[in-house]
Amino acid sequence: MLIKFYIKPRKGVLDPQGRAVAENLRSLGFDNVEDVKVGKYIEVYVNETDKEKAIEQAKEMAKKAIVNEIIEDYEFEVIDNT
């Protein structure tokens, strides 16, 4: 199975990279850009056939290794890629 993690800075957390992208977009004429958040996208392939077990593993991976829950929000999806 494939686990896709989408991670971005929490609201209110300084995101200098996002700020730089937003300023660059505005300088290119995209005046309606209000804010940009730059995050991470991570794919994890697991040898698992039970989707519920893969979901539990994804939660554990996020908490232990992938996400800093103090400053990041995340979502994930589990896809059966067989």
N, C-alpha and C. Protein backbone atom coordinates (compact mmCIF):
# COMPACT_ATOMS: atom_id res chain seq x y z
N MET A 1 0.84 -1.18 0.00
CA MET A 1 0.00 0.00 0.00
C MET A 1 0.88 1.24 0.00
N LEU A 2 0.32 2.29 -0.49
CA LEU A 2 1.00 3.58 -0.56
C LEU A 2 0.36 4.52 0.44
N ILE A 3 1.20 5.15 1.26
CA ILE A 3 0.73 6.17 2.20
C ILE A 3 1.30 7.50 1.71
N LYS A 4 0.41 8.46 1.46
CA LYS A 4 0.82 9.78 1.02
C LYS A 4 0.62 10.76 2.17
N PHE A 5 1.70 11.39 2.60
CA PHE A 5 1.65 12.39 3.67
C PHE A 5 1.74 13.79 3.07
N TYR A 6 0.87 14.68 3.52
CA TYR A 6 0.88 16.08 3.13
C TYR A 6 1.10 16.89 4.40
N ILE A 7 2.22 17.60 4.46
CA ILE A 7 2.61 18.29 5.68
C ILE A 7 2.82 19.77 5.38
N LYS A 8 2.29 20.64 6.26
CA LYS A 8 2.49 22.08 6.08
C LYS A 8 2.62 22.74 7.45
N PRO A 9 3.20 23.93 7.47
CA PRO A 9 3.33 24.64 8.75
C PRO A 9 1.95 24.95 9.34
N ARG A 10 1.86 24.86 10.65
CA ARG A 10 0.60 25.22 11.33
C ARG A 10 0.29 26.70 11.11
N LYS A 11 -0.98 27.03 11.18
CA LYS A 11 -1.39 28.42 11.09
C LYS A 11 -0.74 29.19 12.23
N GLY A 12 -0.17 30.33 11.91
CA GLY A 12 0.48 31.15 12.91
C GLY A 12 1.97 30.88 13.07
N VAL A 13 2.46 29.80 12.46
CA VAL A 13 3.89 29.49 12.52
C VAL A 13 4.58 30.21 11.37
N LEU A 14 5.68 30.87 11.67
CA LEU A 14 6.43 31.60 10.65
C LEU A 14 6.88 30.64 9.55
N ASP A 15 6.61 31.02 8.30
CA ASP A 15 6.99 30.22 7.14
C ASP A 15 7.77 31.11 6.18
N PRO A 16 9.09 31.29 6.42
CA PRO A 16 9.87 32.20 5.58
C PRO A 16 9.89 31.78 4.11
N GLN A 17 9.91 30.50 3.86
CA GLN A 17 9.91 30.03 2.47
C GLN A 17 8.59 30.38 1.79
N GLY A 18 7.49 30.19 2.49
CA GLY A 18 6.19 30.57 1.95
C GLY A 18 6.09 32.06 1.71
N ARG A 19 6.63 32.85 2.64
CA ARG A 19 6.62 34.30 2.49
C ARG A 19 7.41 34.71 1.25
N ALA A 20 8.58 34.10 1.04
CA ALA A 20 9.40 34.42 -0.13
C ALA A 20 8.67 34.07 -1.43
N VAL A 21 7.99 32.93 -1.46
CA VAL A 21 7.24 32.55 -2.66
C VAL A 21 6.10 33.54 -2.90
N ALA A 22 5.40 33.91 -1.85
CA ALA A 22 4.30 34.87 -1.99
C ALA A 22 4.81 36.21 -2.53
N GLU A 23 5.91 36.69 -1.99
CA GLU A 23 6.47 37.97 -2.47
C GLU A 23 6.91 37.87 -3.92
N ASN A 24 7.50 36.76 -4.29
CA ASN A 24 7.92 36.56 -5.68
C ASN A 24 6.71 36.54 -6.62
N LEU A 25 5.66 35.85 -6.21
CA LEU A 25 4.45 35.81 -7.05
C LEU A 25 3.86 37.21 -7.22
N ARG A 26 3.82 37.98 -6.13
CA ARG A 26 3.30 39.35 -6.22
C ARG A 26 4.16 40.20 -7.15
N SER A 27 5.49 40.01 -7.09
CA SER A 27 6.38 40.79 -7.96
C SER A 27 6.20 40.42 -9.42
N LEU A 28 5.66 39.24 -9.67
CA LEU A 28 5.40 38.80 -11.05
C LEU A 28 4.00 39.19 -11.52
N GLY A 29 3.29 39.97 -10.70
CA GLY A 29 2.00 40.47 -11.12
C GLY A 29 0.80 39.72 -10.57
N PHE A 30 1.03 38.74 -9.73
CA PHE A 30 -0.09 38.02 -9.12
C PHE A 30 -0.48 38.74 -7.83
N ASP A 31 -1.15 39.89 -8.01
CA ASP A 31 -1.45 40.78 -6.89
C ASP A 31 -2.47 40.21 -5.91
N ASN A 32 -3.21 39.20 -6.32
CA ASN A 32 -4.25 38.65 -5.45
C ASN A 32 -3.73 37.56 -4.51
N VAL A 33 -2.43 37.26 -4.54
CA VAL A 33 -1.87 36.25 -3.65
C VAL A 33 -1.83 36.83 -2.23
N GLU A 34 -2.53 36.18 -1.32
CA GLU A 34 -2.56 36.65 0.07
C GLU A 34 -1.51 35.96 0.93
N ASP A 35 -1.35 34.65 0.74
CA ASP A 35 -0.44 33.89 1.59
C ASP A 35 -0.04 32.61 0.87
N VAL A 36 1.11 32.09 1.21
CA VAL A 36 1.60 30.83 0.65
C VAL A 36 2.17 30.01 1.80
N LYS A 37 1.85 28.74 1.83
CA LYS A 37 2.44 27.80 2.77
C LYS A 37 3.23 26.78 1.97
N VAL A 38 4.49 26.62 2.31
CA VAL A 38 5.33 25.63 1.65
C VAL A 38 5.46 24.44 2.59
N GLY A 39 5.12 23.28 2.09
CA GLY A 39 5.13 22.10 2.92
C GLY A 39 5.95 20.97 2.33
N LYS A 40 5.64 19.77 2.78
CA LYS A 40 6.34 18.58 2.33
C LYS A 40 5.31 17.55 1.85
N TYR A 41 5.74 16.77 0.89
CA TYR A 41 4.94 15.65 0.41
C TYR A 41 5.83 14.42 0.50
N ILE A 42 5.37 13.39 1.18
CA ILE A 42 6.17 12.18 1.39
C ILE A 42 5.34 10.96 1.02
N GLU A 43 5.94 10.05 0.26
CA GLU A 43 5.32 8.77 -0.07
C GLU A 43 6.03 7.66 0.69
N VAL A 44 5.25 6.82 1.34
CA VAL A 44 5.79 5.66 2.05
C VAL A 44 5.05 4.43 1.52
N TYR A 45 5.82 3.48 1.04
CA TYR A 45 5.24 2.22 0.55
C TYR A 45 5.41 1.17 1.64
N VAL A 46 4.31 0.55 2.02
CA VAL A 46 4.35 -0.48 3.06
C VAL A 46 3.82 -1.81 2.51
N ASN A 47 4.40 -2.87 3.00
CA ASN A 47 3.96 -4.20 2.62
C ASN A 47 2.84 -4.61 3.56
N GLU A 48 1.64 -4.16 3.23
CA GLU A 48 0.46 -4.39 4.09
C GLU A 48 -0.76 -4.56 3.19
N THR A 49 -1.61 -5.53 3.51
CA THR A 49 -2.82 -5.75 2.72
C THR A 49 -4.08 -5.25 3.41
N ASP A 50 -3.98 -5.01 4.72
CA ASP A 50 -5.13 -4.54 5.50
C ASP A 50 -5.08 -3.02 5.58
N LYS A 51 -6.05 -2.35 4.97
CA LYS A 51 -6.05 -0.89 4.92
C LYS A 51 -6.12 -0.27 6.32
N GLU A 52 -6.90 -0.85 7.21
CA GLU A 52 -7.01 -0.32 8.57
C GLU A 52 -5.67 -0.39 9.30
N LYS A 53 -4.92 -1.46 9.09
CA LYS A 53 -3.60 -1.58 9.71
C LYS A 53 -2.65 -0.52 9.11
N ALA A 54 -2.75 -0.30 7.82
CA ALA A 54 -1.92 0.72 7.17
C ALA A 54 -2.23 2.10 7.71
N ILE A 55 -3.51 2.38 7.97
CA ILE A 55 -3.90 3.67 8.55
C ILE A 55 -3.29 3.84 9.93
N GLU A 56 -3.35 2.80 10.74
CA GLU A 56 -2.76 2.87 12.09
C GLU A 56 -1.26 3.06 12.01
N GLN A 57 -0.61 2.37 11.05
CA GLN A 57 0.83 2.54 10.87
C GLN A 57 1.16 3.97 10.45
N ALA A 58 0.34 4.53 9.57
CA ALA A 58 0.57 5.90 9.10
C ALA A 58 0.49 6.88 10.27
N LYS A 59 -0.48 6.72 11.14
CA LYS A 59 -0.60 7.59 12.31
C LYS A 59 0.63 7.49 13.20
N GLU A 60 1.10 6.27 13.40
CA GLU A 60 2.26 6.05 14.24
C GLU A 60 3.52 6.63 13.59
N MET A 61 3.68 6.42 12.27
CA MET A 61 4.83 6.98 11.56
C MET A 61 4.84 8.51 11.68
N ALA A 62 3.67 9.11 11.49
CA ALA A 62 3.58 10.56 11.56
C ALA A 62 4.04 11.06 12.92
N LYS A 63 3.52 10.45 13.97
CA LYS A 63 3.84 10.92 15.32
C LYS A 63 5.30 10.67 15.71
N LYS A 64 5.85 9.54 15.29
CA LYS A 64 7.19 9.16 15.73
C LYS A 64 8.31 9.68 14.84
N ALA A 65 8.05 9.90 13.55
CA ALA A 65 9.18 10.15 12.66
C ALA A 65 8.98 11.23 11.59
N ILE A 66 7.76 11.45 11.14
CA ILE A 66 7.58 12.26 9.94
C ILE A 66 7.15 13.69 10.23
N VAL A 67 6.32 13.89 11.25
CA VAL A 67 5.72 15.19 11.49
C VAL A 67 6.15 15.75 12.85
N ASN A 68 6.47 17.02 12.88
CA ASN A 68 6.68 17.73 14.14
C ASN A 68 5.34 18.39 14.48
N GLU A 69 4.55 17.74 15.31
CA GLU A 69 3.19 18.19 15.58
C GLU A 69 3.13 19.53 16.33
N ILE A 70 4.24 20.01 16.82
CA ILE A 70 4.25 21.31 17.48
C ILE A 70 4.11 22.43 16.45
N ILE A 71 4.74 22.26 15.29
CA ILE A 71 4.74 23.32 14.29
C ILE A 71 4.14 22.92 12.94
N GLU A 72 3.73 21.66 12.79
CA GLU A 72 3.21 21.20 11.50
C GLU A 72 1.84 20.54 11.64
N ASP A 73 1.01 20.76 10.63
CA ASP A 73 -0.24 20.02 10.47
C ASP A 73 -0.02 19.02 9.35
N TYR A 74 -0.79 17.95 9.37
CA TYR A 74 -0.63 16.97 8.30
C TYR A 74 -1.94 16.25 8.02
N GLU A 75 -1.97 15.70 6.84
CA GLU A 75 -3.03 14.79 6.41
C GLU A 75 -2.34 13.64 5.71
N PHE A 76 -3.02 12.52 5.62
CA PHE A 76 -2.47 11.43 4.83
C PHE A 76 -3.60 10.67 4.19
N GLU A 77 -3.25 9.94 3.15
CA GLU A 77 -4.21 9.04 2.52
C GLU A 77 -3.49 7.73 2.25
N VAL A 78 -4.25 6.65 2.36
CA VAL A 78 -3.72 5.31 2.12
C VAL A 78 -4.37 4.79 0.84
N ILE A 79 -3.50 4.36 -0.08
CA ILE A 79 -3.97 3.91 -1.38
C ILE A 79 -3.51 2.47 -1.60
N ASP A 80 -4.44 1.64 -1.98
CA ASP A 80 -4.11 0.24 -2.31
C ASP A 80 -3.53 0.25 -3.71
N ASN A 81 -2.23 0.03 -3.82
CA ASN A 81 -1.56 0.09 -5.11
C ASN A 81 -1.26 -1.28 -5.69
N THR A 82 -2.05 -2.27 -5.32
CA THR A 82 -1.82 -3.63 -5.85
C THR A 82 -2.47 -3.81 -7.19
